[in-house]
Each structure stands twice: as C-alpha cells, then as structure tokens.
C-alpha atoms as a PDB file:
ATOM      1  CA  MET A   1      61.005-144.374 -13.330  1.00  0.00           C
ATOM      2  CA  SER A   2      64.199-146.227 -12.602  1.00  0.00           C
ATOM      3  CA  LEU A   3      67.909-145.525 -12.730  1.00  0.00           C
ATOM      4  CA  GLN A   4      70.655-148.073 -13.201  1.00  0.00           C
ATOM      5  CA  VAL A   5      74.346-147.263 -12.827  1.00  0.00           C
ATOM      6  CA  GLU A   6      77.230-149.634 -13.543  1.00  0.00           C
ATOM      7  CA  GLY A   7      80.694-148.955 -12.178  1.00  0.00           C
ATOM      8  CA  GLU A   8      84.112-149.804 -13.577  1.00  0.00           C
ATOM      9  CA  GLY A   9      84.748-152.383 -10.858  1.00  0.00           C
ATOM     10  CA  GLY A  10      81.737-154.435 -11.925  1.00  0.00           C
ATOM     11  CA  TRP A  11      79.400-153.032  -9.283  1.00  0.00           C
ATOM     12  CA  GLU A  12      75.861-152.056 -10.161  1.00  0.00           C
ATOM     13  CA  ILE A  13      73.242-149.875  -8.482  1.00  0.00           C
ATOM     14  CA  SER A  14      69.548-149.869  -9.355  1.00  0.00           C
ATOM     15  CA  LEU A  15      67.191-147.223  -8.013  1.00  0.00           C
ATOM     16  CA  LEU A  16      63.458-147.375  -8.495  1.00  0.00           C
ATOM     17  CA  GLY A  17      60.597-144.932  -8.082  1.00  0.00           C
ATOM     18  CA  ALA A  18      60.942-142.189  -5.529  1.00  0.00           C
ATOM     19  CA  ALA A  19      64.719-142.438  -5.228  1.00  0.00           C
ATOM     20  CA  ALA A  20      65.430-142.239  -8.957  1.00  0.00           C
ATOM     21  CA  GLY A  21      63.680-138.922  -9.699  1.00  0.00           C
ATOM     22  CA  PRO A  22      65.419-136.727  -7.130  1.00  0.00           C
ATOM     23  CA  LEU A  23      68.800-138.261  -7.921  1.00  0.00           C
ATOM     24  CA  LEU A  24      68.336-137.618 -11.639  1.00  0.00           C
ATOM     25  CA  ASP A  25      67.336-134.020 -10.849  1.00  0.00           C
ATOM     26  CA  LEU A  26      70.454-133.621  -8.707  1.00  0.00           C
ATOM     27  CA  LEU A  27      72.707-135.052 -11.426  1.00  0.00           C
ATOM     28  CA  SER A  28      71.064-132.821 -14.041  1.00  0.00           C
ATOM     29  CA  ASP A  29      71.653-129.736 -11.901  1.00  0.00           C
ATOM     30  CA  LEU A  30      75.294-130.714 -11.403  1.00  0.00           C
ATOM     31  CA  ALA A  31      75.756-131.332 -15.131  1.00  0.00           C
ATOM     32  CA  GLU A  32      74.382-127.867 -15.883  1.00  0.00           C
ATOM     33  CA  GLY A  33      76.742-126.268 -13.376  1.00  0.00           C
ATOM     34  CA  ARG A  34      74.121-125.335 -10.784  1.00  0.00           C
ATOM     35  CA  ALA A  35      74.994-125.485  -7.100  1.00  0.00           C
ATOM     36  CA  VAL A  36      73.374-128.324  -5.163  1.00  0.00           C
ATOM     37  CA  SER A  37      73.338-129.368  -1.557  1.00  0.00           C
ATOM     38  CA  VAL A  38      72.243-132.488   0.228  1.00  0.00           C
ATOM     39  CA  SER A  39      70.883-132.143   3.738  1.00  0.00           C
ATOM     40  CA  ASP A  40      68.991-133.982   6.408  1.00  0.00           C
ATOM     41  CA  ALA A  41      65.194-133.554   6.096  1.00  0.00           C
ATOM     42  CA  ASP A  42      64.958-133.668   9.906  1.00  0.00           C
ATOM     43  CA  GLU A  43      67.352-130.731  10.260  1.00  0.00           C
ATOM     44  CA  GLU A  44      65.928-127.924  12.379  1.00  0.00           C
ATOM     45  CA  LEU A  45      66.097-124.465  10.831  1.00  0.00           C
ATOM     46  CA  THR A  46      65.910-121.062  12.415  1.00  0.00           C
ATOM     47  CA  THR A  47      63.382-118.591  11.032  1.00  0.00           C
ATOM     48  CA  ARG A  48      66.220-116.794   9.250  1.00  0.00           C
ATOM     49  CA  GLU A  49      67.397-119.997   7.564  1.00  0.00           C
ATOM     50  CA  ALA A  50      63.856-121.012   6.598  1.00  0.00           C
ATOM     51  CA  ALA A  51      63.102-117.535   5.226  1.00  0.00           C
ATOM     52  CA  GLU A  52      66.258-117.687   3.099  1.00  0.00           C
ATOM     53  CA  LEU A  53      65.263-121.128   1.792  1.00  0.00           C
ATOM     54  CA  LEU A  54      61.861-119.755   0.758  1.00  0.00           C
ATOM     55  CA  ASN A  55      63.261-116.409  -0.412  1.00  0.00           C
ATOM     56  CA  VAL A  56      60.847-114.472   1.815  1.00  0.00           C
ATOM     57  CA  SER A  57      61.352-112.046   4.661  1.00  0.00           C
ATOM     58  CA  ARG A  58      61.696-113.360   8.199  1.00  0.00           C
ATOM     59  CA  PRO A  59      58.577-111.447   9.365  1.00  0.00           C
ATOM     60  CA  HIS A  60      56.578-113.013   6.511  1.00  0.00           C
ATOM     61  CA  LEU A  61      57.819-116.470   7.472  1.00  0.00           C
ATOM     62  CA  THR A  62      56.932-115.841  11.117  1.00  0.00           C
ATOM     63  CA  GLN A  63      53.400-114.913  10.016  1.00  0.00           C
ATOM     64  CA  LEU A  64      53.158-118.182   8.042  1.00  0.00           C
ATOM     65  CA  LEU A  65      54.209-120.076  11.165  1.00  0.00           C
ATOM     66  CA  LYS A  66      51.644-118.285  13.335  1.00  0.00           C
ATOM     67  CA  GLU A  67      48.923-119.077  10.759  1.00  0.00           C
ATOM     68  CA  GLY A  68      49.927-122.751  10.755  1.00  0.00           C
ATOM     69  CA  GLU A  69      50.914-122.775   7.078  1.00  0.00           C
ATOM     70  CA  ILE A  70      54.196-124.429   8.047  1.00  0.00           C
ATOM     71  CA  PRO A  71      54.441-126.673  11.121  1.00  0.00           C
ATOM     72  CA  SER A  72      56.758-125.265  13.768  1.00  0.00           C
ATOM     73  CA  HIS A  73      57.746-125.585  17.382  1.00  0.00           C
ATOM     74  CA  LYS A  74      59.407-123.294  19.854  1.00  0.00           C
ATOM     75  CA  VAL A  75      62.776-123.606  21.496  1.00  0.00           C
ATOM     76  CA  GLY A  76      62.532-121.140  24.332  1.00  0.00           C
ATOM     77  CA  SER A  77      60.885-118.137  22.720  1.00  0.00           C
ATOM     78  CA  HIS A  78      62.222-118.842  19.218  1.00  0.00           C
ATOM     79  CA  TYR A  79      60.429-120.674  16.411  1.00  0.00           C
ATOM     80  CA  ARG A  80      62.110-123.652  14.773  1.00  0.00           C
ATOM     81  CA  VAL A  81      60.981-125.563  11.697  1.00  0.00           C
ATOM     82  CA  TYR A  82      62.061-128.785  10.074  1.00  0.00           C
ATOM     83  CA  ARG A  83      63.642-128.525   6.630  1.00  0.00           C
ATOM     84  CA  ARG A  84      61.197-131.138   5.266  1.00  0.00           C
ATOM     85  CA  ASP A  85      58.217-128.970   6.289  1.00  0.00           C
ATOM     86  CA  VAL A  86      59.681-125.860   4.665  1.00  0.00           C
ATOM     87  CA  LEU A  87      60.395-127.784   1.453  1.00  0.00           C
ATOM     88  CA  ALA A  88      56.880-129.284   1.479  1.00  0.00           C
ATOM     89  CA  TYR A  89      55.399-125.780   1.794  1.00  0.00           C
ATOM     90  CA  LYS A  90      57.636-124.574  -1.041  1.00  0.00           C
ATOM     91  CA  ALA A  91      56.490-127.471  -3.260  1.00  0.00           C
ATOM     92  CA  ARG A  92      52.812-126.738  -2.472  1.00  0.00           C
ATOM     93  CA  ARG A  93      53.258-123.068  -3.353  1.00  0.00           C
ATOM     94  CA  GLN A  94      55.018-123.993  -6.609  1.00  0.00           C
ATOM     95  CA  GLU A  95      52.199-126.383  -7.530  1.00  0.00           C
ATOM     96  CA  GLN A  96      49.567-123.725  -6.749  1.00  0.00           C
ATOM     97  CA  SER A  97      51.467-121.200  -8.845  1.00  0.00           C
ATOM     98  CA  GLU A  98      51.662-123.585 -11.806  1.00  0.00           C
ATOM     99  CA  GLU A  99      47.935-124.370 -11.528  1.00  0.00           C
ATOM    100  CA  ALA A 100      47.109-120.642 -11.466  1.00  0.00           C
ATOM    101  CA  MET A 101      49.237-120.049 -14.569  1.00  0.00           C
ATOM    102  CA  GLN A 102      47.481-122.883 -16.391  1.00  0.00           C
ATOM    103  CA  GLU A 103      44.104-121.418 -15.439  1.00  0.00           C
ATOM    104  CA  LEU A 104      45.155-117.963 -16.665  1.00  0.00           C
ATOM    105  CA  THR A 105      46.302-119.478 -19.940  1.00  0.00           C
ATOM    106  CA  ARG A 106      43.021-121.378 -20.296  1.00  0.00           C
ATOM    107  CA  LEU A 107      40.961-118.241 -19.605  1.00  0.00           C
ATOM    108  CA  SER A 108      43.059-116.155 -21.987  1.00  0.00           C
ATOM    109  CA  GLN A 109      42.536-118.713 -24.749  1.00  0.00           C
ATOM    110  CA  LYS A 110      38.804-118.879 -24.002  1.00  0.00           C
ATOM    111  CA  LEU A 111      38.546-115.081 -24.241  1.00  0.00           C
ATOM    112  CA  GLY A 112      40.521-115.058 -27.493  1.00  0.00           C
ATOM    113  CA  LEU A 113      43.476-113.203 -26.042  1.00  0.00           C
ATOM    114  CA  TYR A 114      45.871-115.868 -27.372  1.00  0.00           C
ATOM    115  CA  ASP A 115      46.164-117.173 -30.883  1.00  0.00           C
END
C-alpha cells in the first residue's frame, strides 16, 4: 500500500507500507467525523488511563498486568505501562475475537444453522 499527496505549492509526499495504512485510517476517521488523537507510543500510562483505553475496569487491568498479559513496570508501588504495549494487547484481543467469530460462523454453517 502506498499514499501520495501533492500540495498546492508543488510539494509532494509519498508514504509506503506501514506508514500509509495508519495515516489512511486516521484520515478516514476524520472524514467520517470521528474523534482521533495522535500520541507518543513510548508514553507511560497509569493503570486508570490504560484501563480507559481498553474499556475495562482498573482491577481487571491490574490482574492482566500481574499475569504478564501486558508488560508493565512499577514506579514506587504503582504500575505503569507503555501506550504501545496496551495498544498491542488491544490489537491481539481484537484479532482473537475476530478469529473466534469466524470459527463460530464456520461451525454454524457446518451444522446447518445458517443458510
């Protein structure tokens, strides 16, 4: 995938591969009126901030951290996580959810529950 943008002043930007996809997603979200934010992947989050990002409770997030599902470190007695690790976990969970839905669909079709 690639993205090429030409400006009025004669300037041109070409983005290839990994940079093009996320930028196109961002532009699509903006065009559809959805809120977007751009942040530093190395940003440290508190457990409250990470829980909000994942839309889970703070105790549930803390349990995920204790189980090693999301890398974390402590600052004093408080857990901290990097935004990139929280987003990677979120992407893994989304992928697992999509795979489970596909499997349910396949099984339903095999059992004749769908036509």
